[in-house]
N, C-alpha and C. Protein backbone atom coordinates (compact mmCIF):
# COMPACT_ATOMS: atom_id res chain seq x y z
N MET A 1 0.83 -1.18 0.00
CA MET A 1 0.00 0.00 0.00
C MET A 1 0.88 1.24 0.00
N ASP A 2 0.56 2.19 -0.87
CA ASP A 2 1.31 3.44 -0.99
C ASP A 2 0.87 4.46 0.06
N ILE A 3 1.78 5.34 0.38
CA ILE A 3 1.44 6.59 1.05
C ILE A 3 0.86 7.48 -0.04
N VAL A 4 -0.25 8.15 0.24
CA VAL A 4 -0.87 9.02 -0.76
C VAL A 4 -0.89 10.44 -0.21
N VAL A 5 -0.44 11.37 -1.04
CA VAL A 5 -0.43 12.79 -0.69
C VAL A 5 -1.22 13.54 -1.75
N ALA A 6 -2.09 14.44 -1.30
CA ALA A 6 -2.85 15.29 -2.23
C ALA A 6 -3.08 16.64 -1.57
N PRO A 7 -3.21 17.69 -2.39
CA PRO A 7 -3.46 19.03 -1.82
C PRO A 7 -4.88 19.15 -1.32
N ILE A 8 -5.08 20.11 -0.41
CA ILE A 8 -6.44 20.45 -0.03
C ILE A 8 -6.94 21.50 -1.01
N ALA A 9 -8.24 21.62 -1.15
CA ALA A 9 -8.83 22.48 -2.17
C ALA A 9 -8.55 23.97 -1.95
N THR A 10 -8.38 24.38 -0.71
CA THR A 10 -8.29 25.81 -0.43
C THR A 10 -6.87 26.38 -0.45
N ASP A 11 -5.84 25.52 -0.52
CA ASP A 11 -4.46 26.02 -0.46
C ASP A 11 -3.53 24.98 -1.10
N VAL A 12 -2.93 25.31 -2.25
CA VAL A 12 -2.09 24.36 -2.97
C VAL A 12 -0.82 23.99 -2.22
N THR A 13 -0.46 24.76 -1.17
CA THR A 13 0.74 24.45 -0.41
C THR A 13 0.46 23.58 0.81
N ARG A 14 -0.80 23.23 1.02
CA ARG A 14 -1.18 22.35 2.14
C ARG A 14 -1.82 21.11 1.57
N GLY A 15 -1.63 20.00 2.26
CA GLY A 15 -2.20 18.76 1.78
C GLY A 15 -2.53 17.81 2.92
N THR A 16 -2.91 16.62 2.52
CA THR A 16 -3.17 15.53 3.45
C THR A 16 -2.34 14.34 3.00
N LEU A 17 -1.68 13.71 3.97
CA LEU A 17 -0.93 12.48 3.73
C LEU A 17 -1.73 11.36 4.35
N ARG A 18 -2.02 10.32 3.55
CA ARG A 18 -2.79 9.17 4.03
C ARG A 18 -1.98 7.89 3.85
N TYR A 19 -2.05 7.06 4.89
CA TYR A 19 -1.46 5.72 4.82
C TYR A 19 -2.25 4.83 5.76
N LYS A 20 -2.85 3.80 5.21
CA LYS A 20 -3.71 2.90 5.99
C LYS A 20 -4.71 3.73 6.79
N ASN A 21 -4.69 3.61 8.14
CA ASN A 21 -5.64 4.35 8.95
C ASN A 21 -5.11 5.71 9.42
N PHE A 22 -3.95 6.13 8.89
CA PHE A 22 -3.39 7.44 9.24
C PHE A 22 -3.84 8.48 8.23
N ALA A 23 -4.10 9.68 8.69
CA ALA A 23 -4.34 10.85 7.84
C ALA A 23 -3.75 12.04 8.57
N PHE A 24 -2.70 12.61 7.99
CA PHE A 24 -2.00 13.71 8.64
C PHE A 24 -1.97 14.93 7.71
N PRO A 25 -2.07 16.12 8.28
CA PRO A 25 -1.86 17.32 7.46
C PRO A 25 -0.39 17.38 7.05
N CYS A 26 -0.15 17.91 5.86
CA CYS A 26 1.23 18.06 5.40
C CYS A 26 1.37 19.38 4.66
N VAL A 27 2.61 19.77 4.46
CA VAL A 27 2.95 20.99 3.75
C VAL A 27 3.64 20.59 2.45
N LEU A 28 3.32 21.31 1.39
CA LEU A 28 3.86 21.04 0.05
C LEU A 28 4.73 22.21 -0.41
N GLY A 29 5.23 22.11 -1.61
CA GLY A 29 6.05 23.17 -2.18
C GLY A 29 5.28 24.47 -2.37
N ARG A 30 6.00 25.58 -2.38
CA ARG A 30 5.37 26.90 -2.50
C ARG A 30 4.61 27.08 -3.81
N SER A 31 4.91 26.25 -4.81
CA SER A 31 4.21 26.30 -6.11
C SER A 31 3.20 25.18 -6.26
N GLY A 32 2.91 24.46 -5.16
CA GLY A 32 1.96 23.36 -5.23
C GLY A 32 2.57 22.13 -5.89
N ILE A 33 1.70 21.26 -6.37
CA ILE A 33 2.12 20.01 -7.02
C ILE A 33 2.11 20.24 -8.53
N GLN A 34 3.22 19.90 -9.18
CA GLN A 34 3.36 20.11 -10.63
C GLN A 34 3.86 18.83 -11.30
N ARG A 35 3.38 18.60 -12.51
CA ARG A 35 3.82 17.44 -13.30
C ARG A 35 5.26 17.62 -13.80
N ASP A 36 5.60 18.82 -14.24
CA ASP A 36 6.89 19.09 -14.88
C ASP A 36 7.80 19.84 -13.90
N LYS A 37 8.52 19.11 -13.07
CA LYS A 37 9.38 19.67 -12.03
C LYS A 37 10.68 20.19 -12.63
N HIS A 38 11.11 21.39 -12.16
CA HIS A 38 12.39 21.98 -12.56
C HIS A 38 13.11 22.50 -11.33
N GLU A 39 14.42 22.44 -11.36
CA GLU A 39 15.22 22.92 -10.24
C GLU A 39 14.85 24.36 -9.88
N GLY A 40 14.56 24.58 -8.61
CA GLY A 40 14.29 25.92 -8.12
C GLY A 40 12.88 26.43 -8.31
N ASP A 41 11.97 25.62 -8.88
CA ASP A 41 10.61 26.12 -9.15
C ASP A 41 9.69 26.09 -7.93
N GLY A 42 10.13 25.45 -6.84
CA GLY A 42 9.31 25.40 -5.64
C GLY A 42 8.13 24.45 -5.72
N ALA A 43 8.12 23.59 -6.72
CA ALA A 43 7.00 22.65 -6.90
C ALA A 43 7.32 21.29 -6.29
N THR A 44 6.28 20.67 -5.75
CA THR A 44 6.36 19.28 -5.32
C THR A 44 6.03 18.44 -6.55
N PRO A 45 6.88 17.47 -6.91
CA PRO A 45 6.66 16.72 -8.15
C PRO A 45 5.51 15.71 -8.06
N LEU A 46 4.61 15.78 -9.03
CA LEU A 46 3.53 14.81 -9.17
C LEU A 46 4.15 13.47 -9.53
N GLY A 47 3.66 12.38 -8.95
CA GLY A 47 4.16 11.07 -9.34
C GLY A 47 4.29 10.12 -8.16
N ARG A 48 4.76 8.93 -8.48
CA ARG A 48 4.93 7.86 -7.49
C ARG A 48 6.42 7.57 -7.34
N TYR A 49 6.91 7.67 -6.11
CA TYR A 49 8.35 7.57 -5.85
C TYR A 49 8.61 6.63 -4.67
N ALA A 50 9.63 5.80 -4.81
CA ALA A 50 10.03 4.93 -3.70
C ALA A 50 10.62 5.76 -2.57
N LEU A 51 10.39 5.32 -1.34
CA LEU A 51 11.07 5.89 -0.18
C LEU A 51 12.39 5.15 -0.08
N LYS A 52 13.49 5.87 -0.26
CA LYS A 52 14.79 5.21 -0.38
C LYS A 52 15.52 5.01 0.95
N LYS A 53 15.62 6.09 1.73
CA LYS A 53 16.43 6.01 2.93
C LYS A 53 16.02 7.10 3.90
N VAL A 54 16.11 6.78 5.19
CA VAL A 54 15.80 7.73 6.25
C VAL A 54 17.13 8.24 6.82
N PHE A 55 17.21 9.56 6.97
CA PHE A 55 18.35 10.20 7.62
C PHE A 55 17.83 10.91 8.86
N TYR A 56 18.65 10.99 9.89
CA TYR A 56 18.18 11.64 11.12
C TYR A 56 19.34 12.28 11.87
N ARG A 57 19.02 13.26 12.70
CA ARG A 57 20.00 13.93 13.55
C ARG A 57 20.11 13.16 14.85
N SER A 58 21.19 12.41 15.01
CA SER A 58 21.37 11.59 16.21
C SER A 58 21.60 12.41 17.47
N ASP A 59 21.94 13.70 17.32
CA ASP A 59 22.10 14.57 18.48
C ASP A 59 20.75 15.12 18.96
N LYS A 60 19.69 14.92 18.16
CA LYS A 60 18.37 15.46 18.52
C LYS A 60 17.33 14.39 18.81
N LEU A 61 17.52 13.17 18.30
CA LEU A 61 16.57 12.11 18.58
C LEU A 61 17.22 10.74 18.39
N MET A 62 16.57 9.74 18.95
CA MET A 62 17.03 8.36 18.79
C MET A 62 16.79 7.93 17.35
N MET A 63 17.49 6.88 16.94
CA MET A 63 17.28 6.36 15.59
C MET A 63 15.80 6.02 15.40
N PRO A 64 15.18 6.54 14.33
CA PRO A 64 13.77 6.25 14.10
C PRO A 64 13.52 4.75 13.92
N THR A 65 12.40 4.29 14.44
CA THR A 65 11.99 2.90 14.27
C THR A 65 11.32 2.78 12.92
N THR A 66 11.92 2.02 12.03
CA THR A 66 11.39 1.83 10.68
C THR A 66 12.08 0.63 10.04
N ARG A 67 11.45 0.09 9.02
CA ARG A 67 12.05 -1.01 8.26
C ARG A 67 12.82 -0.50 7.04
N LEU A 68 12.81 0.81 6.83
CA LEU A 68 13.59 1.41 5.75
C LEU A 68 15.05 1.53 6.18
N PRO A 69 15.99 1.62 5.23
CA PRO A 69 17.38 1.87 5.61
C PRO A 69 17.49 3.21 6.34
N VAL A 70 18.34 3.28 7.36
CA VAL A 70 18.48 4.47 8.20
C VAL A 70 19.96 4.80 8.36
N ALA A 71 20.27 6.11 8.35
CA ALA A 71 21.64 6.57 8.59
C ALA A 71 21.59 7.92 9.31
N PRO A 72 22.54 8.15 10.22
CA PRO A 72 22.60 9.46 10.86
C PRO A 72 23.12 10.52 9.89
N ILE A 73 22.66 11.76 10.08
CA ILE A 73 23.19 12.88 9.32
C ILE A 73 24.44 13.36 10.05
N LEU A 74 25.50 13.57 9.29
CA LEU A 74 26.75 14.07 9.86
C LEU A 74 26.88 15.56 9.54
N GLN A 75 27.69 16.26 10.31
CA GLN A 75 27.81 17.71 10.16
C GLN A 75 28.29 18.15 8.78
N ASP A 76 29.00 17.28 8.06
CA ASP A 76 29.49 17.65 6.73
C ASP A 76 28.66 17.06 5.59
N ASP A 77 27.45 16.59 5.89
CA ASP A 77 26.58 16.02 4.85
C ASP A 77 25.87 17.13 4.09
N GLY A 78 25.86 16.96 2.78
CA GLY A 78 25.16 17.89 1.90
C GLY A 78 24.45 17.11 0.80
N TRP A 79 23.70 17.84 -0.04
CA TRP A 79 23.00 17.24 -1.17
C TRP A 79 23.17 18.19 -2.35
N CYS A 80 23.82 17.74 -3.40
CA CYS A 80 24.15 18.62 -4.52
C CYS A 80 22.90 19.05 -5.28
N ASP A 81 22.76 20.38 -5.46
CA ASP A 81 21.63 20.91 -6.21
C ASP A 81 22.07 21.74 -7.42
N ALA A 82 23.30 21.52 -7.88
CA ALA A 82 23.83 22.22 -9.05
C ALA A 82 23.63 21.34 -10.29
N PRO A 83 22.68 21.71 -11.18
CA PRO A 83 22.35 20.85 -12.33
C PRO A 83 23.52 20.48 -13.23
N ASP A 84 24.54 21.34 -13.31
CA ASP A 84 25.67 21.06 -14.19
C ASP A 84 26.78 20.25 -13.52
N ASP A 85 26.58 19.85 -12.27
CA ASP A 85 27.59 19.09 -11.54
C ASP A 85 27.34 17.59 -11.72
N PRO A 86 28.40 16.78 -11.85
CA PRO A 86 28.21 15.33 -12.00
C PRO A 86 27.52 14.66 -10.81
N ASN A 87 27.55 15.29 -9.64
CA ASN A 87 26.89 14.73 -8.45
C ASN A 87 25.52 15.34 -8.20
N TYR A 88 24.94 15.98 -9.22
CA TYR A 88 23.62 16.58 -9.08
C TYR A 88 22.62 15.56 -8.53
N ASN A 89 21.85 16.01 -7.55
CA ASN A 89 20.83 15.19 -6.87
C ASN A 89 21.43 13.95 -6.20
N ARG A 90 22.60 14.14 -5.65
CA ARG A 90 23.27 13.07 -4.90
C ARG A 90 23.81 13.64 -3.58
N PRO A 91 23.95 12.77 -2.57
CA PRO A 91 24.60 13.23 -1.34
C PRO A 91 26.07 13.54 -1.60
N VAL A 92 26.57 14.58 -0.94
CA VAL A 92 27.97 14.99 -1.06
C VAL A 92 28.47 15.39 0.33
N LYS A 93 29.76 15.56 0.44
CA LYS A 93 30.38 16.05 1.67
C LYS A 93 30.70 17.54 1.51
N LEU A 94 30.42 18.30 2.56
CA LEU A 94 30.66 19.74 2.56
C LEU A 94 32.00 20.04 3.24
N PRO A 95 32.72 21.08 2.86
CA PRO A 95 32.35 21.96 1.76
C PRO A 95 32.46 21.26 0.42
N TYR A 96 31.59 21.66 -0.50
CA TYR A 96 31.54 21.06 -1.83
C TYR A 96 31.76 22.19 -2.85
N PRO A 97 32.49 21.92 -3.93
CA PRO A 97 32.82 23.01 -4.87
C PRO A 97 31.62 23.57 -5.65
N ALA A 98 30.54 22.81 -5.75
CA ALA A 98 29.34 23.30 -6.43
C ALA A 98 28.26 23.55 -5.38
N SER A 99 27.14 24.11 -5.80
CA SER A 99 26.03 24.38 -4.88
C SER A 99 25.51 23.07 -4.28
N ALA A 100 25.34 23.09 -2.96
CA ALA A 100 24.85 21.90 -2.26
C ALA A 100 24.08 22.34 -1.02
N GLU A 101 22.97 21.67 -0.78
CA GLU A 101 22.17 21.94 0.40
C GLU A 101 22.83 21.32 1.62
N ASN A 102 22.84 22.04 2.74
CA ASN A 102 23.39 21.53 3.99
C ASN A 102 22.34 20.66 4.66
N MET A 103 22.65 19.40 4.91
CA MET A 103 21.71 18.48 5.55
C MET A 103 21.69 18.65 7.08
N TRP A 104 22.75 19.22 7.64
CA TRP A 104 22.83 19.45 9.09
C TRP A 104 22.28 20.84 9.37
N ARG A 105 20.95 20.92 9.52
CA ARG A 105 20.27 22.20 9.66
C ARG A 105 20.00 22.52 11.12
N ASP A 106 20.02 23.80 11.44
CA ASP A 106 19.74 24.24 12.80
C ASP A 106 18.25 24.44 13.07
N ASP A 107 17.43 24.48 12.02
CA ASP A 107 16.01 24.80 12.19
C ASP A 107 15.12 23.59 12.50
N GLY A 108 15.69 22.39 12.55
CA GLY A 108 14.92 21.18 12.89
C GLY A 108 14.19 20.53 11.73
N LEU A 109 14.19 21.15 10.56
CA LEU A 109 13.45 20.59 9.43
C LEU A 109 14.02 19.26 8.95
N TYR A 110 15.31 19.07 9.14
CA TYR A 110 15.94 17.83 8.72
C TYR A 110 16.32 16.95 9.91
N ASP A 111 15.63 17.11 11.02
CA ASP A 111 15.87 16.18 12.13
C ASP A 111 15.55 14.75 11.70
N VAL A 112 14.54 14.61 10.83
CA VAL A 112 14.20 13.33 10.19
C VAL A 112 13.92 13.65 8.72
N VAL A 113 14.60 12.95 7.82
CA VAL A 113 14.47 13.18 6.39
C VAL A 113 14.35 11.84 5.69
N VAL A 114 13.39 11.72 4.78
CA VAL A 114 13.26 10.52 3.96
C VAL A 114 13.56 10.92 2.52
N ALA A 115 14.61 10.36 1.95
CA ALA A 115 14.95 10.64 0.55
C ALA A 115 13.98 9.89 -0.36
N LEU A 116 13.40 10.63 -1.31
CA LEU A 116 12.49 10.03 -2.28
C LEU A 116 13.24 9.74 -3.58
N ALA A 117 12.82 8.72 -4.27
CA ALA A 117 13.47 8.34 -5.54
C ALA A 117 12.95 9.20 -6.68
N HIS A 118 13.06 10.52 -6.51
CA HIS A 118 12.68 11.45 -7.57
C HIS A 118 13.94 11.86 -8.33
N ASN A 119 13.88 11.74 -9.65
CA ASN A 119 14.99 12.15 -10.52
C ASN A 119 16.32 11.53 -10.10
N ASP A 120 16.32 10.21 -9.92
CA ASP A 120 17.57 9.59 -9.47
C ASP A 120 18.09 8.46 -10.36
N GLU A 121 17.26 7.83 -11.14
CA GLU A 121 17.74 6.72 -12.00
C GLU A 121 17.03 6.76 -13.33
N PRO A 122 17.57 7.47 -14.31
CA PRO A 122 18.79 8.28 -14.26
C PRO A 122 18.50 9.69 -13.76
N VAL A 123 19.54 10.36 -13.31
CA VAL A 123 19.43 11.76 -12.91
C VAL A 123 19.38 12.61 -14.19
N VAL A 124 18.39 13.47 -14.27
CA VAL A 124 18.26 14.40 -15.39
C VAL A 124 18.63 15.79 -14.87
N PRO A 125 19.72 16.38 -15.38
CA PRO A 125 20.12 17.70 -14.89
C PRO A 125 18.98 18.72 -15.01
N GLY A 126 18.71 19.39 -13.90
CA GLY A 126 17.69 20.43 -13.88
C GLY A 126 16.28 19.97 -13.59
N ALA A 127 16.07 18.65 -13.44
CA ALA A 127 14.72 18.12 -13.23
C ALA A 127 14.33 18.05 -11.75
N GLY A 128 15.11 18.67 -10.89
CA GLY A 128 14.78 18.72 -9.47
C GLY A 128 15.69 17.86 -8.63
N SER A 129 16.07 18.39 -7.47
CA SER A 129 16.96 17.67 -6.56
C SER A 129 16.47 17.81 -5.13
N ALA A 130 16.98 16.94 -4.28
CA ALA A 130 16.70 16.98 -2.84
C ALA A 130 15.20 17.01 -2.55
N ILE A 131 14.46 16.11 -3.18
CA ILE A 131 13.03 15.98 -2.89
C ILE A 131 12.89 14.97 -1.77
N PHE A 132 12.45 15.46 -0.63
CA PHE A 132 12.39 14.67 0.60
C PHE A 132 11.00 14.72 1.21
N MET A 133 10.78 13.80 2.14
CA MET A 133 9.71 13.92 3.11
C MET A 133 10.46 14.27 4.40
N HIS A 134 10.10 15.40 5.03
CA HIS A 134 10.85 15.85 6.20
C HIS A 134 9.93 16.54 7.20
N VAL A 135 10.52 17.08 8.25
CA VAL A 135 9.77 17.75 9.31
C VAL A 135 9.30 19.12 8.82
N ALA A 136 8.06 19.45 9.12
CA ALA A 136 7.49 20.74 8.73
C ALA A 136 7.94 21.84 9.70
N ALA A 137 8.02 23.05 9.19
CA ALA A 137 8.29 24.21 10.04
C ALA A 137 7.10 24.42 10.98
N PRO A 138 7.33 24.91 12.19
CA PRO A 138 6.23 25.12 13.13
C PRO A 138 5.10 26.00 12.58
N ASP A 139 5.45 26.98 11.73
CA ASP A 139 4.43 27.86 11.16
C ASP A 139 3.87 27.34 9.83
N LEU A 140 4.26 26.11 9.47
CA LEU A 140 3.79 25.44 8.25
C LEU A 140 4.13 26.21 6.97
N THR A 141 5.30 26.83 6.97
CA THR A 141 5.82 27.50 5.78
C THR A 141 5.92 26.48 4.65
N PRO A 142 5.49 26.85 3.42
CA PRO A 142 5.65 25.92 2.30
C PRO A 142 7.11 25.53 2.10
N THR A 143 7.32 24.36 1.53
CA THR A 143 8.67 23.85 1.29
C THR A 143 9.17 24.33 -0.07
N ALA A 144 10.39 23.95 -0.39
CA ALA A 144 10.97 24.25 -1.71
C ALA A 144 10.58 23.18 -2.73
N GLY A 145 9.75 22.21 -2.33
CA GLY A 145 9.31 21.15 -3.23
C GLY A 145 9.11 19.82 -2.54
N CYS A 146 9.41 19.77 -1.26
CA CYS A 146 9.29 18.54 -0.48
C CYS A 146 7.88 18.39 0.10
N VAL A 147 7.66 17.24 0.75
CA VAL A 147 6.45 16.99 1.54
C VAL A 147 6.91 17.02 2.99
N ALA A 148 6.28 17.87 3.82
CA ALA A 148 6.71 18.02 5.21
C ALA A 148 5.55 17.77 6.16
N LEU A 149 5.87 17.13 7.28
CA LEU A 149 4.88 16.79 8.31
C LEU A 149 5.41 17.16 9.68
N ALA A 150 4.51 17.25 10.65
CA ALA A 150 4.95 17.38 12.03
C ALA A 150 5.87 16.21 12.36
N ARG A 151 6.90 16.46 13.15
CA ARG A 151 7.90 15.43 13.45
C ARG A 151 7.28 14.14 13.98
N GLU A 152 6.37 14.24 14.92
CA GLU A 152 5.76 13.03 15.49
C GLU A 152 4.91 12.29 14.46
N ASP A 153 4.26 13.02 13.55
CA ASP A 153 3.49 12.37 12.49
C ASP A 153 4.42 11.61 11.55
N LEU A 154 5.54 12.24 11.19
CA LEU A 154 6.51 11.58 10.32
C LEU A 154 7.06 10.31 10.99
N LEU A 155 7.40 10.40 12.25
CA LEU A 155 7.90 9.23 12.96
C LEU A 155 6.84 8.13 13.06
N SER A 156 5.58 8.50 13.23
CA SER A 156 4.48 7.51 13.27
C SER A 156 4.36 6.76 11.95
N ILE A 157 4.43 7.49 10.86
CA ILE A 157 4.36 6.86 9.53
C ILE A 157 5.54 5.91 9.34
N LEU A 158 6.74 6.36 9.69
CA LEU A 158 7.92 5.50 9.51
C LEU A 158 7.80 4.21 10.31
N ARG A 159 7.25 4.28 11.51
CA ARG A 159 7.06 3.07 12.33
C ARG A 159 6.08 2.10 11.67
N ALA A 160 5.10 2.61 10.96
CA ALA A 160 4.03 1.78 10.39
C ALA A 160 4.40 1.14 9.05
N LEU A 161 5.44 1.62 8.40
CA LEU A 161 5.77 1.12 7.07
C LEU A 161 6.30 -0.32 7.11
N PRO A 162 5.93 -1.12 6.10
CA PRO A 162 6.38 -2.51 6.07
C PRO A 162 7.81 -2.68 5.54
N GLY A 163 8.41 -1.63 5.09
CA GLY A 163 9.71 -1.68 4.43
C GLY A 163 9.57 -0.93 3.13
N ALA A 164 9.91 -1.57 2.02
CA ALA A 164 9.82 -0.92 0.71
C ALA A 164 8.42 -0.33 0.51
N THR A 165 8.36 0.97 0.34
CA THR A 165 7.09 1.69 0.24
C THR A 165 7.24 2.81 -0.79
N TYR A 166 6.14 3.20 -1.38
CA TYR A 166 6.09 4.31 -2.32
C TYR A 166 5.24 5.43 -1.77
N ILE A 167 5.55 6.63 -2.22
CA ILE A 167 4.70 7.79 -1.95
C ILE A 167 4.12 8.20 -3.29
N ASP A 168 2.81 8.33 -3.33
CA ASP A 168 2.08 8.70 -4.54
C ASP A 168 1.59 10.13 -4.35
N ILE A 169 2.25 11.07 -5.00
CA ILE A 169 1.89 12.48 -4.88
C ILE A 169 0.93 12.80 -6.03
N ARG A 170 -0.30 13.14 -5.66
CA ARG A 170 -1.39 13.30 -6.62
C ARG A 170 -1.90 14.74 -6.65
N ALA A 171 -2.61 15.05 -7.71
CA ALA A 171 -3.25 16.36 -7.82
C ALA A 171 -4.53 16.39 -7.00
N ASP A 172 -5.13 15.20 -6.74
CA ASP A 172 -6.32 15.10 -5.89
C ASP A 172 -6.47 13.64 -5.45
N PHE A 173 -7.35 13.40 -4.47
CA PHE A 173 -7.54 12.03 -3.96
C PHE A 173 -8.45 11.25 -4.87
């Protein structure tokens, strides 16, 4: 069974995430859900993507209980978002010579991060990078293209997953 995400009718940057008997509010990209994702457009990509790996801040919480692969985030972890770089949409070590997102964030948004299999096999330069399911900001600020949930909601979903799972990001339910 897939995790299903869809926007609510009144705000394209807010949605609902459903999995089995769970239904949680979530935050989407500032441009809503779009079929044709491009680097920097602020859109959450429409489609079905495998949940690849969970990353977490071991200084802020215990290892999440899940059947997905799990790894701690280290202070020098980054994710390349430079379309012309050979490591585009891949994890890298910081400092990195090209543009890369810092995974060790002070704002708590990446205390728990699930990497989605968006634009990864093969990687298409400019088709979007660092698409994650992660912790939402307390004020529910839209993301740059990710799906974000309250930390406890995200941890609840991870505990319930059977292992290999997909997230189906839809325009509607």
